[in-house]
Amino acid sequence: MAKFSYVVTDEVGIHGRPAGVLVKKCSEFKSNITIACKGKSADAKRIMGVMSLGAKKGDTVEVTIDGEDEAAAKTALEAFFKENF
């Protein structure tokens, strides 16, 4: 199991279009990916779950990756968050 935390720096947070881009990126991996924020968690491969977290600028999100390609997924997703959120 791999984990990392990220503080959202994007002005609009993780909503609509950015959430869709995140789901698409997470879907590239076989591992189970969970994203959590403010005491709620969701499957990062499901758009409604990601949007329901309501992650805004300044919020810390916790990403947990569990599966056969978790190391590659962690590396790619950490870079993805830094570039996009």
PDB file of N, CA and C in Angstrom:
ATOM      1  N   MET A   1       0.849  -1.177   0.000  1.00  0.00           N
ATOM      2  CA  MET A   1       0.000   0.000   0.000  1.00  0.00           C
ATOM      3  C   MET A   1       0.895   1.240   0.000  1.00  0.00           C
ATOM      4  N   ALA A   2       0.562   2.186  -0.852  1.00  0.00           N
ATOM      5  CA  ALA A   2       1.304   3.447  -0.946  1.00  0.00           C
ATOM      6  C   ALA A   2       0.352   4.593  -0.636  1.00  0.00           C
ATOM      7  N   LYS A   3       0.903   5.636  -0.006  1.00  0.00           N
ATOM      8  CA  LYS A   3       0.082   6.798   0.354  1.00  0.00           C
ATOM      9  C   LYS A   3       0.864   8.080   0.137  1.00  0.00           C
ATOM     10  N   PHE A   4       0.139   9.159  -0.113  1.00  0.00           N
ATOM     11  CA  PHE A   4       0.746  10.483  -0.093  1.00  0.00           C
ATOM     12  C   PHE A   4      -0.336  11.510   0.199  1.00  0.00           C
ATOM     13  N   SER A   5       0.116  12.654   0.698  1.00  0.00           N
ATOM     14  CA  SER A   5      -0.783  13.775   0.999  1.00  0.00           C
ATOM     15  C   SER A   5      -0.447  14.924   0.072  1.00  0.00           C
ATOM     16  N   TYR A   6      -1.441  15.736  -0.210  1.00  0.00           N
ATOM     17  CA  TYR A   6      -1.225  16.908  -1.055  1.00  0.00           C
ATOM     18  C   TYR A   6      -2.147  18.033  -0.601  1.00  0.00           C
ATOM     19  N   VAL A   7      -1.605  19.239  -0.478  1.00  0.00           N
ATOM     20  CA  VAL A   7      -2.410  20.410  -0.142  1.00  0.00           C
ATOM     21  C   VAL A   7      -2.814  21.081  -1.456  1.00  0.00           C
ATOM     22  N   VAL A   8      -4.106  21.202  -1.684  1.00  0.00           N
ATOM     23  CA  VAL A   8      -4.630  21.776  -2.925  1.00  0.00           C
ATOM     24  C   VAL A   8      -4.246  23.249  -3.008  1.00  0.00           C
ATOM     25  N   THR A   9      -3.603  23.622  -4.104  1.00  0.00           N
ATOM     26  CA  THR A   9      -3.181  25.013  -4.302  1.00  0.00           C
ATOM     27  C   THR A   9      -3.980  25.708  -5.403  1.00  0.00           C
ATOM     28  N   ASP A  10      -4.715  24.942  -6.191  1.00  0.00           N
ATOM     29  CA  ASP A  10      -5.516  25.519  -7.267  1.00  0.00           C
ATOM     30  C   ASP A  10      -6.635  26.364  -6.676  1.00  0.00           C
ATOM     31  N   GLU A  11      -6.867  27.525  -7.230  1.00  0.00           N
ATOM     32  CA  GLU A  11      -7.878  28.463  -6.735  1.00  0.00           C
ATOM     33  C   GLU A  11      -9.278  27.860  -6.660  1.00  0.00           C
ATOM     34  N   VAL A  12      -9.627  27.001  -7.620  1.00  0.00           N
ATOM     35  CA  VAL A  12     -10.984  26.450  -7.681  1.00  0.00           C
ATOM     36  C   VAL A  12     -11.103  25.060  -7.052  1.00  0.00           C
ATOM     37  N   GLY A  13      -9.988  24.514  -6.582  1.00  0.00           N
ATOM     38  CA  GLY A  13     -10.041  23.206  -5.941  1.00  0.00           C
ATOM     39  C   GLY A  13     -10.216  22.078  -6.950  1.00  0.00           C
ATOM     40  N   ILE A  14     -10.745  20.963  -6.457  1.00  0.00           N
ATOM     41  CA  ILE A  14     -10.958  19.786  -7.313  1.00  0.00           C
ATOM     42  C   ILE A  14     -12.459  19.630  -7.530  1.00  0.00           C
ATOM     43  N   HIS A  15     -12.945  20.149  -8.635  1.00  0.00           N
ATOM     44  CA  HIS A  15     -14.367  20.090  -8.968  1.00  0.00           C
ATOM     45  C   HIS A  15     -14.502  19.766 -10.445  1.00  0.00           C
ATOM     46  N   GLY A  16     -15.685  19.610 -10.938  1.00  0.00           N
ATOM     47  CA  GLY A  16     -16.019  19.420 -12.348  1.00  0.00           C
ATOM     48  C   GLY A  16     -14.919  18.903 -13.254  1.00  0.00           C
ATOM     49  N   ARG A  17     -14.418  19.783 -14.100  1.00  0.00           N
ATOM     50  CA  ARG A  17     -13.421  19.383 -15.099  1.00  0.00           C
ATOM     51  C   ARG A  17     -12.151  18.825 -14.451  1.00  0.00           C
ATOM     52  N   PRO A  18     -11.566  19.486 -13.447  1.00  0.00           N
ATOM     53  CA  PRO A  18     -10.369  18.895 -12.830  1.00  0.00           C
ATOM     54  C   PRO A  18     -10.623  17.508 -12.229  1.00  0.00           C
ATOM     55  N   ALA A  19     -11.786  17.307 -11.655  1.00  0.00           N
ATOM     56  CA  ALA A  19     -12.119  15.994 -11.098  1.00  0.00           C
ATOM     57  C   ALA A  19     -12.172  14.953 -12.212  1.00  0.00           C
ATOM     58  N   GLY A  20     -12.717  15.324 -13.347  1.00  0.00           N
ATOM     59  CA  GLY A  20     -12.786  14.419 -14.492  1.00  0.00           C
ATOM     60  C   GLY A  20     -11.415  14.032 -15.003  1.00  0.00           C
ATOM     61  N   VAL A  21     -10.511  15.002 -15.033  1.00  0.00           N
ATOM     62  CA  VAL A  21      -9.138  14.736 -15.467  1.00  0.00           C
ATOM     63  C   VAL A  21      -8.452  13.794 -14.479  1.00  0.00           C
ATOM     64  N   LEU A  22      -8.691  13.995 -13.179  1.00  0.00           N
ATOM     65  CA  LEU A  22      -8.120  13.120 -12.155  1.00  0.00           C
ATOM     66  C   LEU A  22      -8.642  11.693 -12.305  1.00  0.00           C
ATOM     67  N   VAL A  23      -9.929  11.537 -12.485  1.00  0.00           N
ATOM     68  CA  VAL A  23     -10.528  10.206 -12.648  1.00  0.00           C
ATOM     69  C   VAL A  23      -9.931   9.504 -13.863  1.00  0.00           C
ATOM     70  N   LYS A  24      -9.774  10.236 -14.944  1.00  0.00           N
ATOM     71  CA  LYS A  24      -9.191   9.662 -16.160  1.00  0.00           C
ATOM     72  C   LYS A  24      -7.762   9.185 -15.896  1.00  0.00           C
ATOM     73  N   LYS A  25      -6.986   9.993 -15.179  1.00  0.00           N
ATOM     74  CA  LYS A  25      -5.606   9.616 -14.864  1.00  0.00           C
ATOM     75  C   LYS A  25      -5.580   8.379 -13.970  1.00  0.00           C
ATOM     76  N   CYS A  26      -6.400   8.356 -12.940  1.00  0.00           N
ATOM     77  CA  CYS A  26      -6.440   7.210 -12.023  1.00  0.00           C
ATOM     78  C   CYS A  26      -6.868   5.935 -12.725  1.00  0.00           C
ATOM     79  N   SER A  27      -7.719   6.066 -13.728  1.00  0.00           N
ATOM     80  CA  SER A  27      -8.218   4.898 -14.454  1.00  0.00           C
ATOM     81  C   SER A  27      -7.144   4.228 -15.301  1.00  0.00           C
ATOM     82  N   GLU A  28      -6.002   4.875 -15.469  1.00  0.00           N
ATOM     83  CA  GLU A  28      -4.899   4.282 -16.215  1.00  0.00           C
ATOM     84  C   GLU A  28      -4.213   3.158 -15.426  1.00  0.00           C
ATOM     85  N   PHE A  29      -4.510   3.065 -14.126  1.00  0.00           N
ATOM     86  CA  PHE A  29      -3.829   2.106 -13.269  1.00  0.00           C
ATOM     87  C   PHE A  29      -4.768   0.990 -12.815  1.00  0.00           C
ATOM     88  N   LYS A  30      -4.206  -0.191 -12.588  1.00  0.00           N
ATOM     89  CA  LYS A  30      -4.981  -1.340 -12.128  1.00  0.00           C
ATOM     90  C   LYS A  30      -5.271  -1.277 -10.633  1.00  0.00           C
ATOM     91  N   SER A  31      -4.412  -0.593  -9.886  1.00  0.00           N
ATOM     92  CA  SER A  31      -4.546  -0.518  -8.427  1.00  0.00           C
ATOM     93  C   SER A  31      -5.833   0.181  -8.011  1.00  0.00           C
ATOM     94  N   ASN A  32      -6.290  -0.142  -6.795  1.00  0.00           N
ATOM     95  CA  ASN A  32      -7.403   0.584  -6.187  1.00  0.00           C
ATOM     96  C   ASN A  32      -6.850   1.899  -5.660  1.00  0.00           C
ATOM     97  N   ILE A  33      -7.504   3.007  -5.992  1.00  0.00           N
ATOM     98  CA  ILE A  33      -7.037   4.325  -5.582  1.00  0.00           C
ATOM     99  C   ILE A  33      -8.172   5.028  -4.857  1.00  0.00           C
ATOM    100  N   THR A  34      -7.873   5.449  -3.629  1.00  0.00           N
ATOM    101  CA  THR A  34      -8.856   6.136  -2.802  1.00  0.00           C
ATOM    102  C   THR A  34      -8.338   7.531  -2.498  1.00  0.00           C
ATOM    103  N   ILE A  35      -9.228   8.512  -2.545  1.00  0.00           N
ATOM    104  CA  ILE A  35      -8.872   9.883  -2.195  1.00  0.00           C
ATOM    105  C   ILE A  35      -9.753  10.300  -1.018  1.00  0.00           C
ATOM    106  N   ALA A  36      -9.153  10.941  -0.033  1.00  0.00           N
ATOM    107  CA  ALA A  36      -9.888  11.351   1.158  1.00  0.00           C
ATOM    108  C   ALA A  36      -9.625  12.831   1.446  1.00  0.00           C
ATOM    109  N   CYS A  37     -10.651  13.490   1.979  1.00  0.00           N
ATOM    110  CA  CYS A  37     -10.542  14.903   2.329  1.00  0.00           C
ATOM    111  C   CYS A  37     -11.615  15.232   3.360  1.00  0.00           C
ATOM    112  N   LYS A  38     -11.228  15.923   4.409  1.00  0.00           N
ATOM    113  CA  LYS A  38     -12.171  16.383   5.442  1.00  0.00           C
ATOM    114  C   LYS A  38     -13.036  15.250   6.003  1.00  0.00           C
ATOM    115  N   GLY A  39     -12.417  14.101   6.258  1.00  0.00           N
ATOM    116  CA  GLY A  39     -13.127  12.991   6.883  1.00  0.00           C
ATOM    117  C   GLY A  39     -13.968  12.139   5.946  1.00  0.00           C
ATOM    118  N   LYS A  40     -13.998  12.476   4.663  1.00  0.00           N
ATOM    119  CA  LYS A  40     -14.738  11.673   3.691  1.00  0.00           C
ATOM    120  C   LYS A  40     -13.743  11.043   2.730  1.00  0.00           C
ATOM    121  N   SER A  41     -14.095   9.875   2.187  1.00  0.00           N
ATOM    122  CA  SER A  41     -13.233   9.247   1.194  1.00  0.00           C
ATOM    123  C   SER A  41     -14.062   8.758   0.015  1.00  0.00           C
ATOM    124  N   ALA A  42     -13.377   8.579  -1.113  1.00  0.00           N
ATOM    125  CA  ALA A  42     -14.069   8.163  -2.330  1.00  0.00           C
ATOM    126  C   ALA A  42     -13.119   7.384  -3.227  1.00  0.00           C
ATOM    127  N   ASP A  43     -13.695   6.564  -4.082  1.00  0.00           N
ATOM    128  CA  ASP A  43     -12.951   5.861  -5.124  1.00  0.00           C
ATOM    129  C   ASP A  43     -12.514   6.925  -6.126  1.00  0.00           C
ATOM    130  N   ALA A  44     -11.214   7.048  -6.341  1.00  0.00           N
ATOM    131  CA  ALA A  44     -10.690   8.089  -7.233  1.00  0.00           C
ATOM    132  C   ALA A  44     -10.961   7.806  -8.706  1.00  0.00           C
ATOM    133  N   LYS A  45     -11.577   6.677  -8.998  1.00  0.00           N
ATOM    134  CA  LYS A  45     -11.922   6.356 -10.384  1.00  0.00           C
ATOM    135  C   LYS A  45     -13.394   6.650 -10.674  1.00  0.00           C
ATOM    136  N   ARG A  46     -14.072   7.290  -9.733  1.00  0.00           N
ATOM    137  CA  ARG A  46     -15.498   7.618  -9.882  1.00  0.00           C
ATOM    138  C   ARG A  46     -15.698   9.119  -9.702  1.00  0.00           C
ATOM    139  N   ILE A  47     -16.145   9.772 -10.758  1.00  0.00           N
ATOM    140  CA  ILE A  47     -16.248  11.235 -10.773  1.00  0.00           C
ATOM    141  C   ILE A  47     -17.152  11.791  -9.680  1.00  0.00           C
ATOM    142  N   MET A  48     -18.284  11.173  -9.461  1.00  0.00           N
ATOM    143  CA  MET A  48     -19.203  11.709  -8.450  1.00  0.00           C
ATOM    144  C   MET A  48     -18.600  11.609  -7.053  1.00  0.00           C
ATOM    145  N   GLY A  49     -17.862  10.550  -6.806  1.00  0.00           N
ATOM    146  CA  GLY A  49     -17.208  10.400  -5.509  1.00  0.00           C
ATOM    147  C   GLY A  49     -16.157  11.477  -5.287  1.00  0.00           C
ATOM    148  N   VAL A  50     -15.335  11.723  -6.306  1.00  0.00           N
ATOM    149  CA  VAL A  50     -14.290  12.744  -6.197  1.00  0.00           C
ATOM    150  C   VAL A  50     -14.911  14.122  -5.996  1.00  0.00           C
ATOM    151  N   MET A  51     -15.949  14.430  -6.747  1.00  0.00           N
ATOM    152  CA  MET A  51     -16.603  15.733  -6.628  1.00  0.00           C
ATOM    153  C   MET A  51     -17.294  15.890  -5.274  1.00  0.00           C
ATOM    154  N   SER A  52     -17.792  14.792  -4.717  1.00  0.00           N
ATOM    155  CA  SER A  52     -18.517  14.871  -3.445  1.00  0.00           C
ATOM    156  C   SER A  52     -17.604  15.247  -2.271  1.00  0.00           C
ATOM    157  N   LEU A  53     -16.297  15.112  -2.449  1.00  0.00           N
ATOM    158  CA  LEU A  53     -15.362  15.469  -1.387  1.00  0.00           C
ATOM    159  C   LEU A  53     -15.303  16.979  -1.158  1.00  0.00           C
ATOM    160  N   GLY A  54     -15.584  17.750  -2.205  1.00  0.00           N
ATOM    161  CA  GLY A  54     -15.583  19.204  -2.078  1.00  0.00           C
ATOM    162  C   GLY A  54     -14.228  19.777  -1.713  1.00  0.00           C
ATOM    163  N   ALA A  55     -13.147  19.211  -2.254  1.00  0.00           N
ATOM    164  CA  ALA A  55     -11.796  19.681  -1.932  1.00  0.00           C
ATOM    165  C   ALA A  55     -11.567  21.072  -2.508  1.00  0.00           C
ATOM    166  N   LYS A  56     -11.222  22.004  -1.638  1.00  0.00           N
ATOM    167  CA  LYS A  56     -10.994  23.392  -2.029  1.00  0.00           C
ATOM    168  C   LYS A  56      -9.541  23.780  -1.776  1.00  0.00           C
ATOM    169  N   LYS A  57      -9.171  24.953  -2.250  1.00  0.00           N
ATOM    170  CA  LYS A  57      -7.814  25.453  -2.039  1.00  0.00           C
ATOM    171  C   LYS A  57      -7.492  25.446  -0.542  1.00  0.00           C
ATOM    172  N   GLY A  58      -6.317  24.913  -0.211  1.00  0.00           N
ATOM    173  CA  GLY A  58      -5.881  24.851   1.178  1.00  0.00           C
ATOM    174  C   GLY A  58      -6.227  23.546   1.880  1.00  0.00           C
ATOM    175  N   ASP A  59      -7.140  22.757   1.309  1.00  0.00           N
ATOM    176  CA  ASP A  59      -7.497  21.463   1.899  1.00  0.00           C
ATOM    177  C   ASP A  59      -6.396  20.436   1.614  1.00  0.00           C
ATOM    178  N   THR A  60      -6.216  19.532   2.552  1.00  0.00           N
ATOM    179  CA  THR A  60      -5.262  18.436   2.357  1.00  0.00           C
ATOM    180  C   THR A  60      -6.029  17.204   1.914  1.00  0.00           C
ATOM    181  N   VAL A  61      -5.581  16.615   0.816  1.00  0.00           N
ATOM    182  CA  VAL A  61      -6.166  15.358   0.357  1.00  0.00           C
ATOM    183  C   VAL A  61      -5.153  14.242   0.602  1.00  0.00           C
ATOM    184  N   GLU A  62      -5.676  13.088   0.990  1.00  0.00           N
ATOM    185  CA  GLU A  62      -4.857  11.906   1.226  1.00  0.00           C
ATOM    186  C   GLU A  62      -5.189  10.897   0.127  1.00  0.00           C
ATOM    187  N   VAL A  63      -4.168  10.434  -0.569  1.00  0.00           N
ATOM    188  CA  VAL A  63      -4.365   9.461  -1.640  1.00  0.00           C
ATOM    189  C   VAL A  63      -3.744   8.136  -1.204  1.00  0.00           C
ATOM    190  N   THR A  64      -4.531   7.063  -1.286  1.00  0.00           N
ATOM    191  CA  THR A  64      -4.074   5.727  -0.930  1.00  0.00           C
ATOM    192  C   THR A  64      -4.174   4.841  -2.166  1.00  0.00           C
ATOM    193  N   ILE A  65      -3.099   4.133  -2.446  1.00  0.00           N
ATOM    194  CA  ILE A  65      -3.029   3.287  -3.637  1.00  0.00           C
ATOM    195  C   ILE A  65      -2.665   1.878  -3.193  1.00  0.00           C
ATOM    196  N   ASP A  66      -3.446   0.903  -3.632  1.00  0.00           N
ATOM    197  CA  ASP A  66      -3.208  -0.477  -3.231  1.00  0.00           C
ATOM    198  C   ASP A  66      -3.409  -1.397  -4.432  1.00  0.00           C
ATOM    199  N   GLY A  67      -2.334  -2.066  -4.840  1.00  0.00           N
ATOM    200  CA  GLY A  67      -2.454  -2.983  -5.971  1.00  0.00           C
ATOM    201  C   GLY A  67      -1.124  -3.252  -6.628  1.00  0.00           C
ATOM    202  N   GLU A  68      -1.181  -3.952  -7.735  1.00  0.00           N
ATOM    203  CA  GLU A  68       0.026  -4.433  -8.385  1.00  0.00           C
ATOM    204  C   GLU A  68       0.907  -3.340  -8.980  1.00  0.00           C
ATOM    205  N   ASP A  69       0.334  -2.202  -9.356  1.00  0.00           N
ATOM    206  CA  ASP A  69       1.144  -1.125  -9.939  1.00  0.00           C
ATOM    207  C   ASP A  69       1.163   0.114  -9.040  1.00  0.00           C
ATOM    208  N   GLU A  70       1.066  -0.102  -7.718  1.00  0.00           N
ATOM    209  CA  GLU A  70       0.956   1.014  -6.781  1.00  0.00           C
ATOM    210  C   GLU A  70       2.171   1.938  -6.797  1.00  0.00           C
ATOM    211  N   ALA A  71       3.374   1.403  -6.962  1.00  0.00           N
ATOM    212  CA  ALA A  71       4.569   2.260  -6.963  1.00  0.00           C
ATOM    213  C   ALA A  71       4.549   3.212  -8.159  1.00  0.00           C
ATOM    214  N   ALA A  72       4.244   2.683  -9.322  1.00  0.00           N
ATOM    215  CA  ALA A  72       4.179   3.520 -10.529  1.00  0.00           C
ATOM    216  C   ALA A  72       3.040   4.525 -10.417  1.00  0.00           C
ATOM    217  N   ALA A  73       1.911   4.082  -9.873  1.00  0.00           N
ATOM    218  CA  ALA A  73       0.750   4.968  -9.724  1.00  0.00           C
ATOM    219  C   ALA A  73       1.070   6.105  -8.761  1.00  0.00           C
ATOM    220  N   LYS A  74       1.735   5.800  -7.663  1.00  0.00           N
ATOM    221  CA  LYS A  74       2.080   6.833  -6.676  1.00  0.00           C
ATOM    222  C   LYS A  74       2.966   7.903  -7.303  1.00  0.00           C
ATOM    223  N   THR A  75       4.006   7.465  -8.006  1.00  0.00           N
ATOM    224  CA  THR A  75       4.923   8.404  -8.654  1.00  0.00           C
ATOM    225  C   THR A  75       4.183   9.279  -9.657  1.00  0.00           C
ATOM    226  N   ALA A  76       3.373   8.657 -10.501  1.00  0.00           N
ATOM    227  CA  ALA A  76       2.652   9.401 -11.534  1.00  0.00           C
ATOM    228  C   ALA A  76       1.611  10.345 -10.936  1.00  0.00           C
ATOM    229  N   LEU A  77       0.891   9.891  -9.916  1.00  0.00           N
ATOM    230  CA  LEU A  77      -0.162  10.720  -9.336  1.00  0.00           C
ATOM    231  C   LEU A  77       0.387  11.873  -8.509  1.00  0.00           C
ATOM    232  N   GLU A  78       1.504  11.667  -7.822  1.00  0.00           N
ATOM    233  CA  GLU A  78       2.118  12.785  -7.093  1.00  0.00           C
ATOM    234  C   GLU A  78       2.502  13.891  -8.070  1.00  0.00           C
ATOM    235  N   ALA A  79       3.103  13.523  -9.188  1.00  0.00           N
ATOM    236  CA  ALA A  79       3.474  14.510 -10.209  1.00  0.00           C
ATOM    237  C   ALA A  79       2.220  15.158 -10.802  1.00  0.00           C
ATOM    238  N   PHE A  80       1.195  14.349 -11.037  1.00  0.00           N
ATOM    239  CA  PHE A  80      -0.062  14.858 -11.597  1.00  0.00           C
ATOM    240  C   PHE A  80      -0.692  15.906 -10.681  1.00  0.00           C
ATOM    241  N   PHE A  81      -0.752  15.631  -9.376  1.00  0.00           N
ATOM    242  CA  PHE A  81      -1.328  16.579  -8.428  1.00  0.00           C
ATOM    243  C   PHE A  81      -0.535  17.882  -8.431  1.00  0.00           C
ATOM    244  N   LYS A  82       0.784  17.808  -8.435  1.00  0.00           N
ATOM    245  CA  LYS A  82       1.614  19.014  -8.417  1.00  0.00           C
ATOM    246  C   LYS A  82       1.407  19.859  -9.670  1.00  0.00           C
ATOM    247  N   GLU A  83       1.203  19.216 -10.802  1.00  0.00           N
ATOM    248  CA  GLU A  83       1.019  19.930 -12.073  1.00  0.00           C
ATOM    249  C   GLU A  83      -0.391  20.503 -12.230  1.00  0.00           C
ATOM    250  N   ASN A  84      -1.389  19.844 -11.629  1.00  0.00           N
ATOM    251  CA  ASN A  84      -2.773  20.189 -11.922  1.00  0.00           C
ATOM    252  C   ASN A  84      -3.571  20.789 -10.770  1.00  0.00           C
ATOM    253  N   PHE A  85      -3.154  20.573  -9.535  1.00  0.00           N
ATOM    254  CA  PHE A  85      -3.959  21.038  -8.405  1.00  0.00           C
ATOM    255  C   PHE A  85      -3.143  21.884  -7.449  1.00  0.00           C
TER     256      PHE A  85
END
